[in-house]
Full PDB file with SEQRES, HELIX, SHEET, SSBOND, CRYST1, ORIGX, SCALE, CONECT and MASTER records, all heavy atoms in Angstrom:
SEQRES   1 A   32  GLY ALA LYS ALA ASP ILE GLU VAL ARG GLU ALA TYR PHE          
SEQRES   2 A   32  ARG PHE ILE LEU THR ASP LYS PHE LEU GLU ALA GLU SER          
SEQRES   3 A   32  HIS LEU LYS GLY LEU LYS                                      
HELIX    1 AA1 LEU A   22  LEU A   31  1                                  10    
SHEET    1 AA1 2 ALA A   4  ARG A   9  0                                        
SHEET    2 AA1 2 TYR A  12  LEU A  17 -1                                        
CRYST1    1.000    1.000    1.000  90.00  90.00  90.00 P 1           1          
ORIGX1      1.000000  0.000000  0.000000        0.00000                         
ORIGX2      0.000000  1.000000  0.000000        0.00000                         
ORIGX3      0.000000  0.000000  1.000000        0.00000                         
SCALE1      1.000000  0.000000  0.000000        0.00000                         
SCALE2      0.000000  1.000000  0.000000        0.00000                         
SCALE3      0.000000  0.000000  1.000000        0.00000                         
ATOM      1  N   GLY A   1      22.271 -32.643  13.964  1.00  0.00           N  
ATOM      2  CA  GLY A   1      21.508 -33.359  14.980  1.00  0.00           C  
ATOM      3  C   GLY A   1      20.083 -32.868  15.147  1.00  0.00           C  
ATOM      4  O   GLY A   1      19.434 -33.185  16.137  1.00  0.00           O  
ATOM      5  N   ALA A   2      19.592 -32.098  14.189  1.00  0.00           N  
ATOM      6  CA  ALA A   2      18.211 -31.616  14.245  1.00  0.00           C  
ATOM      7  C   ALA A   2      17.246 -32.778  14.024  1.00  0.00           C  
ATOM      8  O   ALA A   2      17.557 -33.734  13.312  1.00  0.00           O  
ATOM      9  CB  ALA A   2      17.982 -30.543  13.190  1.00  0.00           C  
ATOM     10  N   LYS A   3      16.099 -32.682  14.638  1.00  0.00           N  
ATOM     11  CA  LYS A   3      15.036 -33.676  14.451  1.00  0.00           C  
ATOM     12  C   LYS A   3      14.079 -33.150  13.388  1.00  0.00           C  
ATOM     13  O   LYS A   3      13.763 -31.958  13.358  1.00  0.00           O  
ATOM     14  CB  LYS A   3      14.277 -33.919  15.750  1.00  0.00           C  
ATOM     15  CG  LYS A   3      15.156 -34.333  16.904  1.00  0.00           C  
ATOM     16  CD  LYS A   3      15.758 -35.694  16.679  1.00  0.00           C  
ATOM     17  CE  LYS A   3      16.578 -36.093  17.893  1.00  0.00           C  
ATOM     18  NZ  LYS A   3      17.757 -36.839  17.569  1.00  0.00           N  
ATOM     19  N   ALA A   4      13.598 -34.047  12.539  1.00  0.00           N  
ATOM     20  CA  ALA A   4      12.711 -33.623  11.458  1.00  0.00           C  
ATOM     21  C   ALA A   4      11.740 -34.731  11.096  1.00  0.00           C  
ATOM     22  O   ALA A   4      12.025 -35.916  11.279  1.00  0.00           O  
ATOM     23  CB  ALA A   4      13.522 -33.233  10.233  1.00  0.00           C  
ATOM     24  N   ASP A   5      10.609 -34.310  10.586  1.00  0.00           N  
ATOM     25  CA  ASP A   5       9.622 -35.213  10.000  1.00  0.00           C  
ATOM     26  C   ASP A   5       9.940 -35.230   8.508  1.00  0.00           C  
ATOM     27  O   ASP A   5       9.877 -34.178   7.855  1.00  0.00           O  
ATOM     28  CB  ASP A   5       8.214 -34.683  10.271  1.00  0.00           C  
ATOM     29  CG  ASP A   5       7.131 -35.586   9.707  1.00  0.00           C  
ATOM     30  OD1 ASP A   5       7.395 -36.778   9.481  1.00  0.00           O  
ATOM     31  OD2 ASP A   5       6.011 -35.071   9.493  1.00  0.00           O  
ATOM     32  N   ILE A   6      10.299 -36.394   7.979  1.00  0.00           N  
ATOM     33  CA  ILE A   6      10.752 -36.501   6.596  1.00  0.00           C  
ATOM     34  C   ILE A   6       9.928 -37.560   5.875  1.00  0.00           C  
ATOM     35  O   ILE A   6       9.724 -38.660   6.396  1.00  0.00           O  
ATOM     36  CB  ILE A   6      12.241 -36.898   6.531  1.00  0.00           C  
ATOM     37  CG1 ILE A   6      13.088 -35.876   7.302  1.00  0.00           C  
ATOM     38  CG2 ILE A   6      12.700 -37.018   5.081  1.00  0.00           C  
ATOM     39  CD1 ILE A   6      14.514 -36.317   7.528  1.00  0.00           C  
ATOM     40  N   GLU A   7       9.486 -37.226   4.675  1.00  0.00           N  
ATOM     41  CA  GLU A   7       8.800 -38.195   3.820  1.00  0.00           C  
ATOM     42  C   GLU A   7       9.361 -38.046   2.412  1.00  0.00           C  
ATOM     43  O   GLU A   7       9.373 -36.956   1.848  1.00  0.00           O  
ATOM     44  CB  GLU A   7       7.297 -37.942   3.807  1.00  0.00           C  
ATOM     45  CG  GLU A   7       6.531 -38.970   2.992  1.00  0.00           C  
ATOM     46  CD  GLU A   7       5.033 -38.748   2.991  1.00  0.00           C  
ATOM     47  OE1 GLU A   7       4.538 -37.856   3.702  1.00  0.00           O  
ATOM     48  OE2 GLU A   7       4.356 -39.490   2.264  1.00  0.00           O  
ATOM     49  N   VAL A   8       9.846 -39.168   1.876  1.00  0.00           N  
ATOM     50  CA  VAL A   8      10.424 -39.175   0.538  1.00  0.00           C  
ATOM     51  C   VAL A   8       9.810 -40.321  -0.251  1.00  0.00           C  
ATOM     52  O   VAL A   8       9.741 -41.448   0.238  1.00  0.00           O  
ATOM     53  CB  VAL A   8      11.959 -39.357   0.588  1.00  0.00           C  
ATOM     54  CG1 VAL A   8      12.540 -39.395  -0.812  1.00  0.00           C  
ATOM     55  CG2 VAL A   8      12.611 -38.260   1.408  1.00  0.00           C  
ATOM     56  N   ARG A   9       9.360 -40.003  -1.445  1.00  0.00           N  
ATOM     57  CA  ARG A   9       8.899 -41.016  -2.398  1.00  0.00           C  
ATOM     58  C   ARG A   9       9.080 -40.438  -3.796  1.00  0.00           C  
ATOM     59  O   ARG A   9       9.596 -39.336  -3.942  1.00  0.00           O  
ATOM     60  CB  ARG A   9       7.454 -41.421  -2.108  1.00  0.00           C  
ATOM     61  CG  ARG A   9       6.437 -40.316  -2.134  1.00  0.00           C  
ATOM     62  CD  ARG A   9       5.027 -40.858  -1.816  1.00  0.00           C  
ATOM     63  NE  ARG A   9       4.021 -39.886  -2.084  1.00  0.00           N  
ATOM     64  CZ  ARG A   9       3.465 -39.084  -1.194  1.00  0.00           C  
ATOM     65  NH1 ARG A   9       3.838 -39.159   0.073  1.00  0.00           N  
ATOM     66  NH2 ARG A   9       2.551 -38.216  -1.540  1.00  0.00           N  
ATOM     67  N   GLU A  10       8.679 -41.145  -4.798  1.00  0.00           N  
ATOM     68  CA  GLU A  10       8.855 -40.705  -6.182  1.00  0.00           C  
ATOM     69  C   GLU A  10       8.304 -39.293  -6.375  1.00  0.00           C  
ATOM     70  O   GLU A  10       7.123 -39.044  -6.145  1.00  0.00           O  
ATOM     71  CB  GLU A  10       8.141 -41.684  -7.133  1.00  0.00           C  
ATOM     72  CG  GLU A  10       8.225 -41.303  -8.594  1.00  0.00           C  
ATOM     73  CD  GLU A  10       9.625 -41.356  -9.174  1.00  0.00           C  
ATOM     74  OE1 GLU A  10      10.460 -42.140  -8.666  1.00  0.00           O  
ATOM     75  OE2 GLU A  10       9.894 -40.619 -10.131  1.00  0.00           O  
ATOM     76  N   ALA A  11       9.173 -38.390  -6.787  1.00  0.00           N  
ATOM     77  CA  ALA A  11       8.816 -37.000  -7.101  1.00  0.00           C  
ATOM     78  C   ALA A  11       8.173 -36.273  -5.916  1.00  0.00           C  
ATOM     79  O   ALA A  11       7.325 -35.406  -6.085  1.00  0.00           O  
ATOM     80  CB  ALA A  11       7.917 -36.928  -8.329  1.00  0.00           C  
ATOM     81  N   TYR A  12       8.608 -36.608  -4.690  1.00  0.00           N  
ATOM     82  CA  TYR A  12       8.034 -36.001  -3.483  1.00  0.00           C  
ATOM     83  C   TYR A  12       9.069 -36.048  -2.365  1.00  0.00           C  
ATOM     84  O   TYR A  12       9.587 -37.114  -2.032  1.00  0.00           O  
ATOM     85  CB  TYR A  12       6.788 -36.783  -3.067  1.00  0.00           C  
ATOM     86  CG  TYR A  12       6.032 -36.206  -1.894  1.00  0.00           C  
ATOM     87  CD1 TYR A  12       4.952 -35.349  -2.097  1.00  0.00           C  
ATOM     88  CD2 TYR A  12       6.372 -36.536  -0.591  1.00  0.00           C  
ATOM     89  CE1 TYR A  12       4.238 -34.828  -1.024  1.00  0.00           C  
ATOM     90  CE2 TYR A  12       5.671 -36.018   0.482  1.00  0.00           C  
ATOM     91  CZ  TYR A  12       4.608 -35.166   0.268  1.00  0.00           C  
ATOM     92  OH  TYR A  12       3.904 -34.652   1.329  1.00  0.00           O  
ATOM     93  N   PHE A  13       9.378 -34.896  -1.787  1.00  0.00           N  
ATOM     94  CA  PHE A  13      10.330 -34.818  -0.684  1.00  0.00           C  
ATOM     95  C   PHE A  13       9.812 -33.747   0.278  1.00  0.00           C  
ATOM     96  O   PHE A  13       9.777 -32.568  -0.031  1.00  0.00           O  
ATOM     97  CB  PHE A  13      11.702 -34.416  -1.215  1.00  0.00           C  
ATOM     98  CG  PHE A  13      12.856 -34.562  -0.247  1.00  0.00           C  
ATOM     99  CD1 PHE A  13      14.108 -34.885  -0.739  1.00  0.00           C  
ATOM    100  CD2 PHE A  13      12.716 -34.369   1.118  1.00  0.00           C  
ATOM    101  CE1 PHE A  13      15.195 -35.008   0.117  1.00  0.00           C  
ATOM    102  CE2 PHE A  13      13.789 -34.506   1.984  1.00  0.00           C  
ATOM    103  CZ  PHE A  13      15.039 -34.817   1.472  1.00  0.00           C  
ATOM    104  N   ARG A  14       9.399 -34.193   1.468  1.00  0.00           N  
ATOM    105  CA  ARG A  14       8.910 -33.270   2.494  1.00  0.00           C  
ATOM    106  C   ARG A  14       9.828 -33.359   3.698  1.00  0.00           C  
ATOM    107  O   ARG A  14      10.135 -34.449   4.180  1.00  0.00           O  
ATOM    108  CB  ARG A  14       7.478 -33.603   2.908  1.00  0.00           C  
ATOM    109  CG  ARG A  14       6.900 -32.586   3.896  1.00  0.00           C  
ATOM    110  CD  ARG A  14       5.437 -32.886   4.221  1.00  0.00           C  
ATOM    111  NE  ARG A  14       5.217 -34.242   4.680  1.00  0.00           N  
ATOM    112  CZ  ARG A  14       5.468 -34.680   5.924  1.00  0.00           C  
ATOM    113  NH1 ARG A  14       5.958 -33.874   6.829  1.00  0.00           N  
ATOM    114  NH2 ARG A  14       5.227 -35.932   6.250  1.00  0.00           N  
ATOM    115  N   PHE A  15      10.267 -32.194   4.174  1.00  0.00           N  
ATOM    116  CA  PHE A  15      11.179 -32.095   5.315  1.00  0.00           C  
ATOM    117  C   PHE A  15      10.679 -30.974   6.210  1.00  0.00           C  
ATOM    118  O   PHE A  15      10.622 -29.809   5.789  1.00  0.00           O  
ATOM    119  CB  PHE A  15      12.596 -31.772   4.813  1.00  0.00           C  
ATOM    120  CG  PHE A  15      13.608 -31.599   5.905  1.00  0.00           C  
ATOM    121  CD1 PHE A  15      14.408 -32.655   6.287  1.00  0.00           C  
ATOM    122  CD2 PHE A  15      13.780 -30.380   6.534  1.00  0.00           C  
ATOM    123  CE1 PHE A  15      15.353 -32.498   7.298  1.00  0.00           C  
ATOM    124  CE2 PHE A  15      14.718 -30.205   7.537  1.00  0.00           C  
ATOM    125  CZ  PHE A  15      15.509 -31.267   7.917  1.00  0.00           C  
ATOM    126  N   ILE A  16      10.308 -31.308   7.448  1.00  0.00           N  
ATOM    127  CA  ILE A  16       9.826 -30.319   8.406  1.00  0.00           C  
ATOM    128  C   ILE A  16      10.583 -30.514   9.715  1.00  0.00           C  
ATOM    129  O   ILE A  16      10.553 -31.604  10.298  1.00  0.00           O  
ATOM    130  CB  ILE A  16       8.305 -30.460   8.675  1.00  0.00           C  
ATOM    131  CG1 ILE A  16       7.496 -30.430   7.386  1.00  0.00           C  
ATOM    132  CG2 ILE A  16       7.840 -29.374   9.666  1.00  0.00           C  
ATOM    133  CD1 ILE A  16       7.464 -29.113   6.670  1.00  0.00           C  
ATOM    134  N   LEU A  17      11.236 -29.474  10.191  1.00  0.00           N  
ATOM    135  CA  LEU A  17      11.918 -29.546  11.483  1.00  0.00           C  
ATOM    136  C   LEU A  17      10.896 -29.768  12.590  1.00  0.00           C  
ATOM    137  O   LEU A  17       9.831 -29.150  12.585  1.00  0.00           O  
ATOM    138  CB  LEU A  17      12.679 -28.252  11.759  1.00  0.00           C  
ATOM    139  CG  LEU A  17      13.903 -27.995  10.901  1.00  0.00           C  
ATOM    140  CD1 LEU A  17      14.390 -26.573  11.102  1.00  0.00           C  
ATOM    141  CD2 LEU A  17      15.005 -28.997  11.208  1.00  0.00           C  
ATOM    142  N   THR A  18      11.235 -30.629  13.534  1.00  0.00           N  
ATOM    143  CA  THR A  18      10.346 -30.865  14.676  1.00  0.00           C  
ATOM    144  C   THR A  18      10.930 -30.302  15.968  1.00  0.00           C  
ATOM    145  O   THR A  18      10.317 -30.419  17.017  1.00  0.00           O  
ATOM    146  CB  THR A  18      10.042 -32.368  14.837  1.00  0.00           C  
ATOM    147  OG1 THR A  18      11.276 -33.077  14.985  1.00  0.00           O  
ATOM    148  CG2 THR A  18       9.271 -32.902  13.646  1.00  0.00           C  
ATOM    149  N   ASP A  19      12.113 -29.734  15.877  1.00  0.00           N  
ATOM    150  CA  ASP A  19      12.685 -29.012  17.009  1.00  0.00           C  
ATOM    151  C   ASP A  19      13.377 -27.770  16.467  1.00  0.00           C  
ATOM    152  O   ASP A  19      13.546 -27.618  15.274  1.00  0.00           O  
ATOM    153  CB  ASP A  19      13.641 -29.881  17.831  1.00  0.00           C  
ATOM    154  CG  ASP A  19      14.831 -30.400  17.043  1.00  0.00           C  
ATOM    155  OD1 ASP A  19      14.975 -30.052  15.852  1.00  0.00           O  
ATOM    156  OD2 ASP A  19      15.634 -31.151  17.609  1.00  0.00           O  
ATOM    157  N   LYS A  20      13.727 -26.875  17.355  1.00  0.00           N  
ATOM    158  CA  LYS A  20      14.312 -25.607  16.919  1.00  0.00           C  
ATOM    159  C   LYS A  20      15.817 -25.627  17.129  1.00  0.00           C  
ATOM    160  O   LYS A  20      16.289 -25.769  18.241  1.00  0.00           O  
ATOM    161  CB  LYS A  20      13.684 -24.450  17.682  1.00  0.00           C  
ATOM    162  CG  LYS A  20      12.209 -24.328  17.379  1.00  0.00           C  
ATOM    163  CD  LYS A  20      11.622 -23.113  18.033  1.00  0.00           C  
ATOM    164  CE  LYS A  20      10.135 -23.216  17.936  1.00  0.00           C  
ATOM    165  NZ  LYS A  20       9.399 -22.270  17.336  1.00  0.00           N  
ATOM    166  N   PHE A  21      16.532 -25.515  16.038  1.00  0.00           N  
ATOM    167  CA  PHE A  21      17.978 -25.397  16.055  1.00  0.00           C  
ATOM    168  C   PHE A  21      18.320 -24.104  15.349  1.00  0.00           C  
ATOM    169  O   PHE A  21      17.902 -23.887  14.212  1.00  0.00           O  
ATOM    170  CB  PHE A  21      18.629 -26.549  15.263  1.00  0.00           C  
ATOM    171  CG  PHE A  21      19.036 -27.717  16.084  1.00  0.00           C  
ATOM    172  CD1 PHE A  21      18.122 -28.695  16.418  1.00  0.00           C  
ATOM    173  CD2 PHE A  21      20.346 -27.854  16.510  1.00  0.00           C  
ATOM    174  CE1 PHE A  21      18.501 -29.797  17.168  1.00  0.00           C  
ATOM    175  CE2 PHE A  21      20.732 -28.940  17.266  1.00  0.00           C  
ATOM    176  CZ  PHE A  21      19.813 -29.921  17.589  1.00  0.00           C  
ATOM    177  N   LEU A  22      19.041 -23.233  15.999  1.00  0.00           N  
ATOM    178  CA  LEU A  22      19.411 -21.975  15.354  1.00  0.00           C  
ATOM    179  C   LEU A  22      20.198 -22.233  14.085  1.00  0.00           C  
ATOM    180  O   LEU A  22      20.017 -21.563  13.076  1.00  0.00           O  
ATOM    181  CB  LEU A  22      20.231 -21.105  16.309  1.00  0.00           C  
ATOM    182  CG  LEU A  22      19.493 -20.592  17.545  1.00  0.00           C  
ATOM    183  CD1 LEU A  22      20.449 -19.822  18.444  1.00  0.00           C  
ATOM    184  CD2 LEU A  22      18.320 -19.718  17.133  1.00  0.00           C  
ATOM    185  N   GLU A  23      21.081 -23.218  14.117  1.00  0.00           N  
ATOM    186  CA  GLU A  23      21.915 -23.535  12.965  1.00  0.00           C  
ATOM    187  C   GLU A  23      21.091 -24.068  11.792  1.00  0.00           C  
ATOM    188  O   GLU A  23      21.466 -23.909  10.639  1.00  0.00           O  
ATOM    189  CB  GLU A  23      22.970 -24.560  13.377  1.00  0.00           C  
ATOM    190  CG  GLU A  23      24.034 -24.784  12.339  1.00  0.00           C  
ATOM    191  CD  GLU A  23      25.108 -25.738  12.823  1.00  0.00           C  
ATOM    192  OE1 GLU A  23      25.231 -25.983  14.036  1.00  0.00           O  
ATOM    193  OE2 GLU A  23      25.817 -26.251  11.961  1.00  0.00           O  
ATOM    194  N   ALA A  24      19.956 -24.684  12.077  1.00  0.00           N  
ATOM    195  CA  ALA A  24      19.147 -25.308  11.028  1.00  0.00           C  
ATOM    196  C   ALA A  24      18.638 -24.288  10.027  1.00  0.00           C  
ATOM    197  O   ALA A  24      18.628 -24.537   8.824  1.00  0.00           O  
ATOM    198  CB  ALA A  24      17.978 -26.075  11.641  1.00  0.00           C  
ATOM    199  N   GLU A  25      18.216 -23.130  10.508  1.00  0.00           N  
ATOM    200  CA  GLU A  25      17.645 -22.157   9.584  1.00  0.00           C  
ATOM    201  C   GLU A  25      18.665 -21.684   8.554  1.00  0.00           C  
ATOM    202  O   GLU A  25      18.321 -21.466   7.400  1.00  0.00           O  
ATOM    203  CB  GLU A  25      17.041 -20.952  10.309  1.00  0.00           C  
ATOM    204  CG  GLU A  25      16.290 -20.090   9.307  1.00  0.00           C  
ATOM    205  CD  GLU A  25      15.726 -18.807   9.859  1.00  0.00           C  
ATOM    206  OE1 GLU A  25      16.184 -18.338  10.915  1.00  0.00           O  
ATOM    207  OE2 GLU A  25      14.814 -18.292   9.210  1.00  0.00           O  
ATOM    208  N   SER A  26      19.917 -21.547   8.926  1.00  0.00           N  
ATOM    209  CA  SER A  26      20.918 -21.088   7.952  1.00  0.00           C  
ATOM    210  C   SER A  26      21.058 -22.093   6.807  1.00  0.00           C  
ATOM    211  O   SER A  26      21.219 -21.696   5.651  1.00  0.00           O  
ATOM    212  CB  SER A  26      22.266 -20.829   8.623  1.00  0.00           C  
ATOM    213  OG  SER A  26      22.807 -22.005   9.165  1.00  0.00           O  
ATOM    214  N   HIS A  27      20.957 -23.374   7.096  1.00  0.00           N  
ATOM    215  CA  HIS A  27      21.027 -24.388   6.040  1.00  0.00           C  
ATOM    216  C   HIS A  27      19.792 -24.309   5.140  1.00  0.00           C  
ATOM    217  O   HIS A  27      19.895 -24.422   3.917  1.00  0.00           O  
ATOM    218  CB  HIS A  27      21.161 -25.789   6.643  1.00  0.00           C  
ATOM    219  CG  HIS A  27      22.476 -26.023   7.298  1.00  0.00           C  
ATOM    220  ND1 HIS A  27      23.614 -26.341   6.600  1.00  0.00           N  
ATOM    221  CD2 HIS A  27      22.834 -25.957   8.600  1.00  0.00           C  
ATOM    222  CE1 HIS A  27      24.626 -26.479   7.437  1.00  0.00           C  
ATOM    223  NE2 HIS A  27      24.177 -26.247   8.659  1.00  0.00           N  
ATOM    224  N   LEU A  28      18.635 -24.122   5.735  1.00  0.00           N  
ATOM    225  CA  LEU A  28      17.406 -23.992   4.942  1.00  0.00           C  
ATOM    226  C   LEU A  28      17.428 -22.719   4.111  1.00  0.00           C  
ATOM    227  O   LEU A  28      16.974 -22.720   2.955  1.00  0.00           O  
ATOM    228  CB  LEU A  28      16.176 -24.032   5.849  1.00  0.00           C  
ATOM    229  CG  LEU A  28      15.887 -25.388   6.485  1.00  0.00           C  
ATOM    230  CD1 LEU A  28      14.796 -25.254   7.541  1.00  0.00           C  
ATOM    231  CD2 LEU A  28      15.497 -26.416   5.429  1.00  0.00           C  
ATOM    232  N   LYS A  29      17.982 -21.640   4.652  1.00  0.00           N  
ATOM    233  CA  LYS A  29      18.121 -20.403   3.872  1.00  0.00           C  
ATOM    234  C   LYS A  29      19.061 -20.617   2.686  1.00  0.00           C  
ATOM    235  O   LYS A  29      18.837 -20.088   1.602  1.00  0.00           O  
ATOM    236  CB  LYS A  29      18.638 -19.265   4.751  1.00  0.00           C  
ATOM    237  CG  LYS A  29      17.597 -18.661   5.649  1.00  0.00           C  
ATOM    238  CD  LYS A  29      18.193 -17.503   6.448  1.00  0.00           C  
ATOM    239  CE  LYS A  29      17.157 -16.800   7.272  1.00  0.00           C  
ATOM    240  NZ  LYS A  29      17.750 -15.684   8.049  1.00  0.00           N  
ATOM    241  N   GLY A  30      20.121 -21.382   2.911  1.00  0.00           N  
ATOM    242  CA  GLY A  30      21.049 -21.702   1.819  1.00  0.00           C  
ATOM    243  C   GLY A  30      20.368 -22.494   0.719  1.00  0.00           C  
ATOM    244  O   GLY A  30      20.558 -22.223  -0.467  1.00  0.00           O  
ATOM    245  N   LEU A  31      19.566 -23.487   1.123  1.00  0.00           N  
ATOM    246  CA  LEU A  31      18.816 -24.275   0.142  1.00  0.00           C  
ATOM    247  C   LEU A  31      17.848 -23.373  -0.619  1.00  0.00           C  
ATOM    248  O   LEU A  31      17.741 -23.462  -1.850  1.00  0.00           O  
ATOM    249  CB  LEU A  31      18.055 -25.408   0.827  1.00  0.00           C  
ATOM    250  CG  LEU A  31      17.150 -26.244  -0.084  1.00  0.00           C  
ATOM    251  CD1 LEU A  31      17.975 -27.008  -1.110  1.00  0.00           C  
ATOM    252  CD2 LEU A  31      16.294 -27.175   0.741  1.00  0.00           C  
ATOM    253  N   LYS A  32      17.165 -22.507   0.088  1.00  0.00           N  
ATOM    254  CA  LYS A  32      16.206 -21.609  -0.558  1.00  0.00           C  
ATOM    255  C   LYS A  32      16.906 -20.703  -1.562  1.00  0.00           C  
ATOM    256  O   LYS A  32      16.440 -20.549  -2.703  1.00  0.00           O  
ATOM    257  CB  LYS A  32      15.482 -20.771   0.506  1.00  0.00           C  
ATOM    258  CG  LYS A  32      14.416 -19.873  -0.063  1.00  0.00           C  
ATOM    259  CD  LYS A  32      13.697 -19.098   1.030  1.00  0.00           C  
ATOM    260  CE  LYS A  32      12.587 -18.265   0.408  1.00  0.00           C  
ATOM    261  NZ  LYS A  32      12.139 -17.195   1.259  1.00  0.00           N  
TER     262      LYS A  32                                                      
MASTER        0    0    0    1    2    0    0    6  261    1    0    3          
END                                                                             
């Protein structure tokens, strides 16, 4: 349920959280 600014197009994917969720960082750390 995190809010994010997302832009996706050919060969481009931008995802920026717009609110703070403690759980969100663990998912981003996993992706990293």
